[in-house]
Amino acid sequence: MKIHFLGGCRINKYILTTAAVLFSALIQAFSMKTFLEPVNLLPGGFTGLAILLEQITGLFGVHFSTSIGMILLNIPVAIFCYRHVGKKFVLFSLLQVFLASALLKVLPENYLFDDILLNICFGGFLYGISMVVALKGNASTGGMDFVALYISNRIGKSIWQYVFLFNCVLLCIFGAVFGWEYAGYSIMFQFVSTQTIERFYHRYKRVTLQITTEHPKELVAAYIGICKHGISVMEGYGGYSRKPMSLLHTVVSAYEVQDLVDCLRQTDQRVIINVIPTEIFLLPGSIL
């Protein structure tokens, strides 16, 4: 009965993640078709790079589809993150990229505002929300999200400010080719979307797992099977039962916790897991 319950929880999680991915792709495609394309703004990240490639190749009479570009640019990064971030996370993120690419072909271009500043504010906010929805659903919009998550996982803090700087460099290239006015507007758009993510998403945090079990070898094997972090094992005994016990100790990212807890509970139904918020202070030259 316990395993059946955990399996049901896992199915529910997959349903929620799929719903988040669908909603995120719809918001992203809608914001691009409604607020970006009508006023010739360029988003950041791999999506913006794909649009920039389409526009540059168009100068030479070659049509390079934005949708295809989004997919091709994401594949190498996805392969890398598949090994270092998490299989489920990467697969659902790629689903989001494919859906957003497909919706860009289906949704018509739409005008809501003639004022470019209104397009920047509302479009930037919705574009940022599309990323937040995907991230909260344990997925992402791919591209720079993969990079941001991997690096944040390594250093234990958000790096969205550096992602914003990367996007500014990309938009300066856009400005040098197509005009600085719209590049400036696009940087403002990117700033709004970045601030939206910073405001509504705070899961680049570390937590400590303290795991008490009578089956340390099995739990360590299950842990290593889905997680690349190290884990410490200390032997002891139960103060009341006097039975041999082990205390497992590890530090992981907050987004990894639920998958690890589900896996460990399936391996040992009587395991006790404490999740403790953690602050990590890195010494100069240290590697997490």
C-alpha atoms as a PDB file:
ATOM      1  CA  MET A   1       0.000   0.000   0.000  1.00  0.00           C
ATOM      2  CA  LYS A   2       2.856   2.353   0.796  1.00  0.00           C
ATOM      3  CA  ILE A   3       4.535   1.846  -2.558  1.00  0.00           C
ATOM      4  CA  HIS A   4       1.234   2.269  -4.346  1.00  0.00           C
ATOM      5  CA  PHE A   5       0.703   5.596  -2.565  1.00  0.00           C
ATOM      6  CA  LEU A   6       4.171   6.805  -3.514  1.00  0.00           C
ATOM      7  CA  GLY A   7       3.585   5.740  -7.100  1.00  0.00           C
ATOM      8  CA  GLY A   8       0.368   7.765  -7.127  1.00  0.00           C
ATOM      9  CA  CYS A   9       2.258  10.794  -5.783  1.00  0.00           C
ATOM     10  CA  ARG A  10       4.828  10.419  -8.551  1.00  0.00           C
ATOM     11  CA  ILE A  11       2.108  10.251 -11.215  1.00  0.00           C
ATOM     12  CA  ASN A  12       0.492  13.372  -9.770  1.00  0.00           C
ATOM     13  CA  LYS A  13       3.861  15.148  -9.873  1.00  0.00           C
ATOM     14  CA  TYR A  14       4.315  14.232 -13.524  1.00  0.00           C
ATOM     15  CA  ILE A  15       0.830  15.535 -14.298  1.00  0.00           C
ATOM     16  CA  LEU A  16       1.570  18.827 -12.531  1.00  0.00           C
ATOM     17  CA  THR A  17       4.907  19.180 -14.315  1.00  0.00           C
ATOM     18  CA  THR A  18       3.293  18.478 -17.685  1.00  0.00           C
ATOM     19  CA  ALA A  19       0.588  21.067 -16.961  1.00  0.00           C
ATOM     20  CA  ALA A  20       3.241  23.622 -15.953  1.00  0.00           C
ATOM     21  CA  VAL A  21       5.193  22.929 -19.151  1.00  0.00           C
ATOM     22  CA  LEU A  22       2.086  23.340 -21.330  1.00  0.00           C
ATOM     23  CA  PHE A  23       1.064  26.568 -19.597  1.00  0.00           C
ATOM     24  CA  SER A  24       4.615  27.931 -19.734  1.00  0.00           C
ATOM     25  CA  ALA A  25       4.940  27.230 -23.468  1.00  0.00           C
ATOM     26  CA  LEU A  26       1.585  28.899 -24.142  1.00  0.00           C
ATOM     27  CA  ILE A  27       2.498  32.033 -22.154  1.00  0.00           C
ATOM     28  CA  GLN A  28       5.919  32.256 -23.795  1.00  0.00           C
ATOM     29  CA  ALA A  29       4.576  31.901 -27.325  1.00  0.00           C
ATOM     30  CA  PHE A  30       1.709  34.325 -26.618  1.00  0.00           C
ATOM     31  CA  SER A  31       4.037  36.987 -25.199  1.00  0.00           C
ATOM     32  CA  MET A  32       6.330  36.692 -28.210  1.00  0.00           C
ATOM     33  CA  LYS A  33       3.510  36.884 -30.752  1.00  0.00           C
ATOM     34  CA  THR A  34       1.647  39.660 -28.938  1.00  0.00           C
ATOM     35  CA  PHE A  35       4.300  41.904 -27.420  1.00  0.00           C
ATOM     36  CA  LEU A  36       7.636  41.171 -29.112  1.00  0.00           C
ATOM     37  CA  GLU A  37       7.117  40.501 -32.802  1.00  0.00           C
ATOM     38  CA  PRO A  38       4.658  43.371 -33.479  1.00  0.00           C
ATOM     39  CA  VAL A  39       7.197  45.955 -32.279  1.00  0.00           C
ATOM     40  CA  ASN A  40      10.341  44.094 -33.429  1.00  0.00           C
ATOM     41  CA  LEU A  41      11.702  43.356 -29.954  1.00  0.00           C
ATOM     42  CA  LEU A  42      14.164  40.555 -29.301  1.00  0.00           C
ATOM     43  CA  PRO A  43      14.016  38.300 -26.218  1.00  0.00           C
ATOM     44  CA  GLY A  44      17.177  37.058 -24.580  1.00  0.00           C
ATOM     45  CA  GLY A  45      18.576  33.565 -24.256  1.00  0.00           C
ATOM     46  CA  PHE A  46      18.559  30.903 -26.923  1.00  0.00           C
ATOM     47  CA  THR A  47      15.150  32.045 -28.163  1.00  0.00           C
ATOM     48  CA  GLY A  48      16.535  35.494 -28.868  1.00  0.00           C
ATOM     49  CA  LEU A  49      19.614  33.950 -30.482  1.00  0.00           C
ATOM     50  CA  ALA A  50      17.386  31.842 -32.750  1.00  0.00           C
ATOM     51  CA  ILE A  51      15.407  34.940 -33.793  1.00  0.00           C
ATOM     52  CA  LEU A  52      18.646  36.849 -34.391  1.00  0.00           C
ATOM     53  CA  LEU A  53      19.959  34.022 -36.610  1.00  0.00           C
ATOM     54  CA  GLU A  54      16.716  34.071 -38.590  1.00  0.00           C
ATOM     55  CA  GLN A  55      16.968  37.823 -39.126  1.00  0.00           C
ATOM     56  CA  ILE A  56      20.659  37.760 -40.040  1.00  0.00           C
ATOM     57  CA  THR A  57      20.247  34.860 -42.491  1.00  0.00           C
ATOM     58  CA  GLY A  58      17.253  36.708 -43.939  1.00  0.00           C
ATOM     59  CA  LEU A  59      19.622  39.510 -44.969  1.00  0.00           C
ATOM     60  CA  PHE A  60      21.267  36.995 -47.314  1.00  0.00           C
ATOM     61  CA  GLY A  61      18.016  35.613 -48.667  1.00  0.00           C
ATOM     62  CA  VAL A  62      18.095  32.456 -46.528  1.00  0.00           C
ATOM     63  CA  HIS A  63      15.190  31.491 -44.272  1.00  0.00           C
ATOM     64  CA  PHE A  64      16.307  29.937 -40.988  1.00  0.00           C
ATOM     65  CA  SER A  65      13.200  29.182 -38.919  1.00  0.00           C
ATOM     66  CA  THR A  66      13.144  30.451 -35.338  1.00  0.00           C
ATOM     67  CA  SER A  67      11.363  27.270 -34.228  1.00  0.00           C
ATOM     68  CA  ILE A  68      14.065  25.039 -35.718  1.00  0.00           C
ATOM     69  CA  GLY A  69      16.786  27.276 -34.312  1.00  0.00           C
ATOM     70  CA  MET A  70      15.329  27.021 -30.794  1.00  0.00           C
ATOM     71  CA  ILE A  71      15.439  23.223 -30.998  1.00  0.00           C
ATOM     72  CA  LEU A  72      18.911  22.943 -32.542  1.00  0.00           C
ATOM     73  CA  LEU A  73      20.490  25.368 -30.068  1.00  0.00           C
ATOM     74  CA  ASN A  74      19.001  23.551 -27.087  1.00  0.00           C
ATOM     75  CA  ILE A  75      20.111  20.033 -28.015  1.00  0.00           C
ATOM     76  CA  PRO A  76      23.855  20.315 -27.098  1.00  0.00           C
ATOM     77  CA  VAL A  77      23.133  21.999 -23.754  1.00  0.00           C
ATOM     78  CA  ALA A  78      20.373  19.483 -23.011  1.00  0.00           C
ATOM     79  CA  ILE A  79      22.743  16.573 -23.592  1.00  0.00           C
ATOM     80  CA  PHE A  80      25.231  18.073 -21.128  1.00  0.00           C
ATOM     81  CA  CYS A  81      22.590  18.828 -18.481  1.00  0.00           C
ATOM     82  CA  TYR A  82      21.029  15.387 -18.953  1.00  0.00           C
ATOM     83  CA  ARG A  83      24.075  13.987 -17.133  1.00  0.00           C
ATOM     84  CA  HIS A  84      24.695  16.759 -14.621  1.00  0.00           C
ATOM     85  CA  VAL A  85      21.307  18.255 -13.710  1.00  0.00           C
ATOM     86  CA  GLY A  86      18.687  15.503 -13.994  1.00  0.00           C
ATOM     87  CA  LYS A  87      17.028  13.379 -16.648  1.00  0.00           C
ATOM     88  CA  LYS A  88      13.422  14.215 -15.832  1.00  0.00           C
ATOM     89  CA  PHE A  89      14.176  17.934 -15.586  1.00  0.00           C
ATOM     90  CA  VAL A  90      15.876  17.986 -18.990  1.00  0.00           C
ATOM     91  CA  LEU A  91      13.212  15.891 -20.734  1.00  0.00           C
ATOM     92  CA  PHE A  92      10.367  18.087 -19.493  1.00  0.00           C
ATOM     93  CA  SER A  93      12.374  21.205 -20.405  1.00  0.00           C
ATOM     94  CA  LEU A  94      12.851  19.915 -23.948  1.00  0.00           C
ATOM     95  CA  LEU A  95       9.103  19.245 -24.096  1.00  0.00           C
ATOM     96  CA  GLN A  96       8.556  22.904 -23.204  1.00  0.00           C
ATOM     97  CA  VAL A  97      10.940  24.000 -25.980  1.00  0.00           C
ATOM     98  CA  PHE A  98       9.209  21.802 -28.577  1.00  0.00           C
ATOM     99  CA  LEU A  99       5.753  23.024 -27.517  1.00  0.00           C
ATOM    100  CA  ALA A 100       6.785  26.679 -27.549  1.00  0.00           C
ATOM    101  CA  SER A 101       8.362  26.203 -30.993  1.00  0.00           C
ATOM    102  CA  ALA A 102       5.183  24.580 -32.315  1.00  0.00           C
ATOM    103  CA  LEU A 103       2.943  27.287 -30.836  1.00  0.00           C
ATOM    104  CA  LEU A 104       5.034  30.005 -32.477  1.00  0.00           C
ATOM    105  CA  LYS A 105       4.020  28.512 -35.821  1.00  0.00           C
ATOM    106  CA  VAL A 106       0.357  28.178 -34.870  1.00  0.00           C
ATOM    107  CA  LEU A 107      -0.471  31.372 -32.961  1.00  0.00           C
ATOM    108  CA  PRO A 108      -1.180  34.457 -35.102  1.00  0.00           C
ATOM    109  CA  GLU A 109       0.659  37.722 -34.543  1.00  0.00           C
ATOM    110  CA  ASN A 110      -1.568  39.952 -32.439  1.00  0.00           C
ATOM    111  CA  TYR A 111      -1.573  43.618 -31.422  1.00  0.00           C
ATOM    112  CA  LEU A 112      -2.752  44.813 -28.006  1.00  0.00           C
ATOM    113  CA  PHE A 113      -0.825  48.052 -27.541  1.00  0.00           C
ATOM    114  CA  ASP A 114       0.547  50.656 -29.918  1.00  0.00           C
ATOM    115  CA  ASP A 115       2.773  52.049 -27.165  1.00  0.00           C
ATOM    116  CA  ILE A 116       6.120  50.240 -27.212  1.00  0.00           C
ATOM    117  CA  LEU A 117       6.675  50.835 -23.472  1.00  0.00           C
ATOM    118  CA  LEU A 118       3.433  49.020 -22.646  1.00  0.00           C
ATOM    119  CA  ASN A 119       4.614  46.124 -24.808  1.00  0.00           C
ATOM    120  CA  ILE A 120       7.914  46.080 -22.910  1.00  0.00           C
ATOM    121  CA  CYS A 121       6.270  46.094 -19.467  1.00  0.00           C
ATOM    122  CA  PHE A 122       3.491  43.559 -20.087  1.00  0.00           C
ATOM    123  CA  GLY A 123       5.527  41.420 -22.487  1.00  0.00           C
ATOM    124  CA  GLY A 124       8.563  41.314 -20.205  1.00  0.00           C
ATOM    125  CA  PHE A 125       6.411  40.393 -17.232  1.00  0.00           C
ATOM    126  CA  LEU A 126       4.591  37.574 -19.056  1.00  0.00           C
ATOM    127  CA  TYR A 127       7.816  36.277 -20.589  1.00  0.00           C
ATOM    128  CA  GLY A 128       9.368  36.129 -17.119  1.00  0.00           C
ATOM    129  CA  ILE A 129       6.242  34.435 -15.733  1.00  0.00           C
ATOM    130  CA  SER A 130       6.513  31.749 -18.426  1.00  0.00           C
ATOM    131  CA  MET A 131       9.975  30.883 -17.063  1.00  0.00           C
ATOM    132  CA  VAL A 132       8.777  30.983 -13.455  1.00  0.00           C
ATOM    133  CA  VAL A 133       5.870  28.620 -14.204  1.00  0.00           C
ATOM    134  CA  ALA A 134       8.220  26.119 -15.860  1.00  0.00           C
ATOM    135  CA  LEU A 135      10.803  26.337 -13.046  1.00  0.00           C
ATOM    136  CA  LYS A 136       8.192  25.927 -10.314  1.00  0.00           C
ATOM    137  CA  GLY A 137       6.928  22.856 -12.168  1.00  0.00           C
ATOM    138  CA  ASN A 138      10.458  21.338 -12.028  1.00  0.00           C
ATOM    139  CA  ALA A 139      11.201  22.080 -15.681  1.00  0.00           C
ATOM    140  CA  SER A 140      12.518  25.105 -17.571  1.00  0.00           C
ATOM    141  CA  THR A 141      12.275  26.953 -20.874  1.00  0.00           C
ATOM    142  CA  GLY A 142      15.608  25.450 -21.927  1.00  0.00           C
ATOM    143  CA  GLY A 143      18.624  27.319 -23.244  1.00  0.00           C
ATOM    144  CA  MET A 144      20.058  29.718 -20.678  1.00  0.00           C
ATOM    145  CA  ASP A 145      17.789  28.208 -18.023  1.00  0.00           C
ATOM    146  CA  PHE A 146      19.856  25.019 -18.338  1.00  0.00           C
ATOM    147  CA  VAL A 147      23.073  26.973 -17.912  1.00  0.00           C
ATOM    148  CA  ALA A 148      21.709  29.075 -15.039  1.00  0.00           C
ATOM    149  CA  LEU A 149      20.441  26.032 -13.175  1.00  0.00           C
ATOM    150  CA  TYR A 150      23.670  24.066 -13.615  1.00  0.00           C
ATOM    151  CA  ILE A 151      25.908  26.902 -12.412  1.00  0.00           C
ATOM    152  CA  SER A 152      23.529  27.856  -9.591  1.00  0.00           C
ATOM    153  CA  ASN A 153      23.534  24.231  -8.512  1.00  0.00           C
ATOM    154  CA  ARG A 154      27.342  24.336  -8.366  1.00  0.00           C
ATOM    155  CA  ILE A 155      27.731  27.614  -6.468  1.00  0.00           C
ATOM    156  CA  GLY A 156      24.512  27.526  -4.416  1.00  0.00           C
ATOM    157  CA  LYS A 157      23.028  30.874  -5.488  1.00  0.00           C
ATOM    158  CA  SER A 158      21.130  32.507  -8.313  1.00  0.00           C
ATOM    159  CA  ILE A 159      23.054  33.832 -11.315  1.00  0.00           C
ATOM    160  CA  TRP A 160      20.216  35.566 -13.189  1.00  0.00           C
ATOM    161  CA  GLN A 161      22.104  38.860 -13.082  1.00  0.00           C
ATOM    162  CA  TYR A 162      24.874  37.242 -15.154  1.00  0.00           C
ATOM    163  CA  VAL A 163      22.310  35.785 -17.534  1.00  0.00           C
ATOM    164  CA  PHE A 164      21.010  39.326 -17.976  1.00  0.00           C
ATOM    165  CA  LEU A 165      24.522  40.543 -18.847  1.00  0.00           C
ATOM    166  CA  PHE A 166      24.873  37.753 -21.432  1.00  0.00           C
ATOM    167  CA  ASN A 167      21.556  38.791 -22.954  1.00  0.00           C
ATOM    168  CA  CYS A 168      22.707  42.412 -23.073  1.00  0.00           C
ATOM    169  CA  VAL A 169      25.738  41.356 -25.126  1.00  0.00           C
ATOM    170  CA  LEU A 170      23.447  39.409 -27.472  1.00  0.00           C
ATOM    171  CA  LEU A 171      21.127  42.408 -27.808  1.00  0.00           C
ATOM    172  CA  CYS A 172      24.069  44.711 -28.543  1.00  0.00           C
ATOM    173  CA  ILE A 173      24.888  42.475 -31.520  1.00  0.00           C
ATOM    174  CA  PHE A 174      21.249  42.840 -32.549  1.00  0.00           C
ATOM    175  CA  GLY A 175      21.573  46.613 -32.210  1.00  0.00           C
ATOM    176  CA  ALA A 176      24.767  46.769 -34.280  1.00  0.00           C
ATOM    177  CA  VAL A 177      23.024  44.942 -37.136  1.00  0.00           C
ATOM    178  CA  PHE A 178      19.443  46.216 -37.008  1.00  0.00           C
ATOM    179  CA  GLY A 179      19.544  49.501 -35.084  1.00  0.00           C
ATOM    180  CA  TRP A 180      20.293  50.609 -31.542  1.00  0.00           C
ATOM    181  CA  GLU A 181      16.840  51.956 -30.717  1.00  0.00           C
ATOM    182  CA  TYR A 182      15.135  48.563 -30.755  1.00  0.00           C
ATOM    183  CA  ALA A 183      18.160  46.971 -29.092  1.00  0.00           C
ATOM    184  CA  GLY A 184      17.709  49.422 -26.212  1.00  0.00           C
ATOM    185  CA  TYR A 185      14.017  48.595 -25.977  1.00  0.00           C
ATOM    186  CA  SER A 186      14.862  44.898 -26.033  1.00  0.00           C
ATOM    187  CA  ILE A 187      17.313  45.324 -23.136  1.00  0.00           C
ATOM    188  CA  MET A 188      14.537  47.036 -21.161  1.00  0.00           C
ATOM    189  CA  PHE A 189      12.261  44.102 -21.997  1.00  0.00           C
ATOM    190  CA  GLN A 190      14.927  41.661 -20.801  1.00  0.00           C
ATOM    191  CA  PHE A 191      15.404  43.614 -17.577  1.00  0.00           C
ATOM    192  CA  VAL A 192      11.678  43.381 -16.779  1.00  0.00           C
ATOM    193  CA  SER A 193      11.588  39.631 -17.450  1.00  0.00           C
ATOM    194  CA  THR A 194      14.749  39.030 -15.360  1.00  0.00           C
ATOM    195  CA  GLN A 195      13.354  41.012 -12.434  1.00  0.00           C
ATOM    196  CA  THR A 196      10.134  38.992 -12.669  1.00  0.00           C
ATOM    197  CA  ILE A 197      12.081  35.746 -12.338  1.00  0.00           C
ATOM    198  CA  GLU A 198      14.120  37.089  -9.411  1.00  0.00           C
ATOM    199  CA  ARG A 199      10.933  38.236  -7.672  1.00  0.00           C
ATOM    200  CA  PHE A 200       8.894  35.046  -8.019  1.00  0.00           C
ATOM    201  CA  TYR A 201      11.460  32.239  -8.070  1.00  0.00           C
ATOM    202  CA  HIS A 202      13.764  31.469  -5.145  1.00  0.00           C
ATOM    203  CA  ARG A 203      14.585  27.775  -5.410  1.00  0.00           C
ATOM    204  CA  TYR A 204      18.321  28.078  -6.029  1.00  0.00           C
ATOM    205  CA  LYS A 205      18.869  27.137  -2.397  1.00  0.00           C
ATOM    206  CA  ARG A 206      20.651  24.352  -0.601  1.00  0.00           C
ATOM    207  CA  VAL A 207      19.153  22.025   1.982  1.00  0.00           C
ATOM    208  CA  THR A 208      20.695  19.388   4.232  1.00  0.00           C
ATOM    209  CA  LEU A 209      19.165  15.910   4.303  1.00  0.00           C
ATOM    210  CA  GLN A 210      19.622  13.937   7.518  1.00  0.00           C
ATOM    211  CA  ILE A 211      18.506  10.378   6.833  1.00  0.00           C
ATOM    212  CA  THR A 212      18.087   7.733   9.547  1.00  0.00           C
ATOM    213  CA  THR A 213      17.834   4.140   8.329  1.00  0.00           C
ATOM    214  CA  GLU A 214      18.530   0.502   9.111  1.00  0.00           C
ATOM    215  CA  HIS A 215      19.523  -0.137   5.481  1.00  0.00           C
ATOM    216  CA  PRO A 216      22.355   2.313   4.663  1.00  0.00           C
ATOM    217  CA  LYS A 217      23.880   0.371   1.762  1.00  0.00           C
ATOM    218  CA  GLU A 218      20.593   0.148  -0.129  1.00  0.00           C
ATOM    219  CA  LEU A 219      19.797   3.840   0.430  1.00  0.00           C
ATOM    220  CA  VAL A 220      23.279   4.975  -0.610  1.00  0.00           C
ATOM    221  CA  ALA A 221      22.982   2.916  -3.800  1.00  0.00           C
ATOM    222  CA  ALA A 222      19.537   4.396  -4.550  1.00  0.00           C
ATOM    223  CA  TYR A 223      20.816   7.915  -3.800  1.00  0.00           C
ATOM    224  CA  ILE A 224      23.865   7.602  -6.046  1.00  0.00           C
ATOM    225  CA  GLY A 225      21.644   6.197  -8.793  1.00  0.00           C
ATOM    226  CA  ILE A 226      19.782   9.494  -9.213  1.00  0.00           C
ATOM    227  CA  CYS A 227      22.101  12.097  -7.695  1.00  0.00           C
ATOM    228  CA  LYS A 228      25.730  13.060  -8.381  1.00  0.00           C
ATOM    229  CA  HIS A 229      26.450  14.520  -4.934  1.00  0.00           C
ATOM    230  CA  GLY A 230      28.480  12.815  -2.233  1.00  0.00           C
ATOM    231  CA  ILE A 231      26.856  11.424   0.899  1.00  0.00           C
ATOM    232  CA  SER A 232      28.315  10.638   4.356  1.00  0.00           C
ATOM    233  CA  VAL A 233      27.376   7.604   6.466  1.00  0.00           C
ATOM    234  CA  MET A 234      27.747   7.448  10.254  1.00  0.00           C
ATOM    235  CA  GLU A 235      27.025   4.291  12.207  1.00  0.00           C
ATOM    236  CA  GLY A 236      25.032   4.313  15.460  1.00  0.00           C
ATOM    237  CA  TYR A 237      22.131   2.657  17.238  1.00  0.00           C
ATOM    238  CA  GLY A 238      18.581   3.445  18.250  1.00  0.00           C
ATOM    239  CA  GLY A 239      18.370   4.902  21.750  1.00  0.00           C
ATOM    240  CA  TYR A 240      15.103   3.072  22.489  1.00  0.00           C
ATOM    241  CA  SER A 241      15.272  -0.043  20.321  1.00  0.00           C
ATOM    242  CA  ARG A 242      19.065  -0.509  20.673  1.00  0.00           C
ATOM    243  CA  LYS A 243      19.072  -1.715  17.076  1.00  0.00           C
ATOM    244  CA  PRO A 244      21.949  -0.743  14.730  1.00  0.00           C
ATOM    245  CA  MET A 245      21.131   2.484  12.864  1.00  0.00           C
ATOM    246  CA  SER A 246      22.931   4.656  10.334  1.00  0.00           C
ATOM    247  CA  LEU A 247      22.745   8.435   9.831  1.00  0.00           C
ATOM    248  CA  LEU A 248      23.232   9.557   6.236  1.00  0.00           C
ATOM    249  CA  HIS A 249      24.123  13.192   5.644  1.00  0.00           C
ATOM    250  CA  THR A 250      24.152  15.138   2.372  1.00  0.00           C
ATOM    251  CA  VAL A 251      23.581  18.638   0.988  1.00  0.00           C
ATOM    252  CA  VAL A 252      21.504  19.036  -2.197  1.00  0.00           C
ATOM    253  CA  SER A 253      19.625  21.682  -4.160  1.00  0.00           C
ATOM    254  CA  ALA A 254      16.033  22.364  -3.135  1.00  0.00           C
ATOM    255  CA  TYR A 255      14.697  21.279  -6.524  1.00  0.00           C
ATOM    256  CA  GLU A 256      16.195  17.791  -6.006  1.00  0.00           C
ATOM    257  CA  VAL A 257      14.585  17.098  -2.639  1.00  0.00           C
ATOM    258  CA  GLN A 258      11.230  15.650  -3.662  1.00  0.00           C
ATOM    259  CA  ASP A 259      12.680  13.157  -6.138  1.00  0.00           C
ATOM    260  CA  LEU A 260      15.244  12.020  -3.560  1.00  0.00           C
ATOM    261  CA  VAL A 261      12.658  11.651  -0.795  1.00  0.00           C
ATOM    262  CA  ASP A 262      10.381   9.582  -3.051  1.00  0.00           C
ATOM    263  CA  CYS A 263      13.269   7.343  -4.098  1.00  0.00           C
ATOM    264  CA  LEU A 264      14.545   6.794  -0.549  1.00  0.00           C
ATOM    265  CA  ARG A 265      11.082   6.014   0.788  1.00  0.00           C
ATOM    266  CA  GLN A 266      10.543   3.452  -1.922  1.00  0.00           C
ATOM    267  CA  THR A 267      13.829   1.805  -0.948  1.00  0.00           C
ATOM    268  CA  ASP A 268      13.136   1.883   2.796  1.00  0.00           C
ATOM    269  CA  GLN A 269       9.544   2.490   3.875  1.00  0.00           C
ATOM    270  CA  ARG A 270      10.643   3.152   7.483  1.00  0.00           C
ATOM    271  CA  VAL A 271      13.326   5.712   6.666  1.00  0.00           C
ATOM    272  CA  ILE A 272      13.295   9.007   8.606  1.00  0.00           C
ATOM    273  CA  ILE A 273      14.294  12.087   6.580  1.00  0.00           C
ATOM    274  CA  ASN A 274      14.879  15.559   8.022  1.00  0.00           C
ATOM    275  CA  VAL A 275      15.149  18.468   5.553  1.00  0.00           C
ATOM    276  CA  ILE A 276      17.062  21.439   6.955  1.00  0.00           C
ATOM    277  CA  PRO A 277      17.606  24.834   5.207  1.00  0.00           C
ATOM    278  CA  THR A 278      21.319  25.369   4.648  1.00  0.00           C
ATOM    279  CA  GLU A 279      23.632  28.313   4.071  1.00  0.00           C
ATOM    280  CA  ILE A 280      26.916  27.433   2.361  1.00  0.00           C
ATOM    281  CA  PHE A 281      29.992  29.639   2.633  1.00  0.00           C
ATOM    282  CA  LEU A 282      32.673  28.809   0.098  1.00  0.00           C
ATOM    283  CA  LEU A 283      36.318  29.523   0.850  1.00  0.00           C
ATOM    284  CA  PRO A 284      38.467  31.067  -1.926  1.00  0.00           C
ATOM    285  CA  GLY A 285      39.447  28.371  -4.386  1.00  0.00           C
ATOM    286  CA  SER A 286      36.960  25.800  -3.055  1.00  0.00           C
ATOM    287  CA  ILE A 287      34.668  23.816  -5.334  1.00  0.00           C
ATOM    288  CA  LEU A 288      31.167  22.755  -4.338  1.00  0.00           C
END
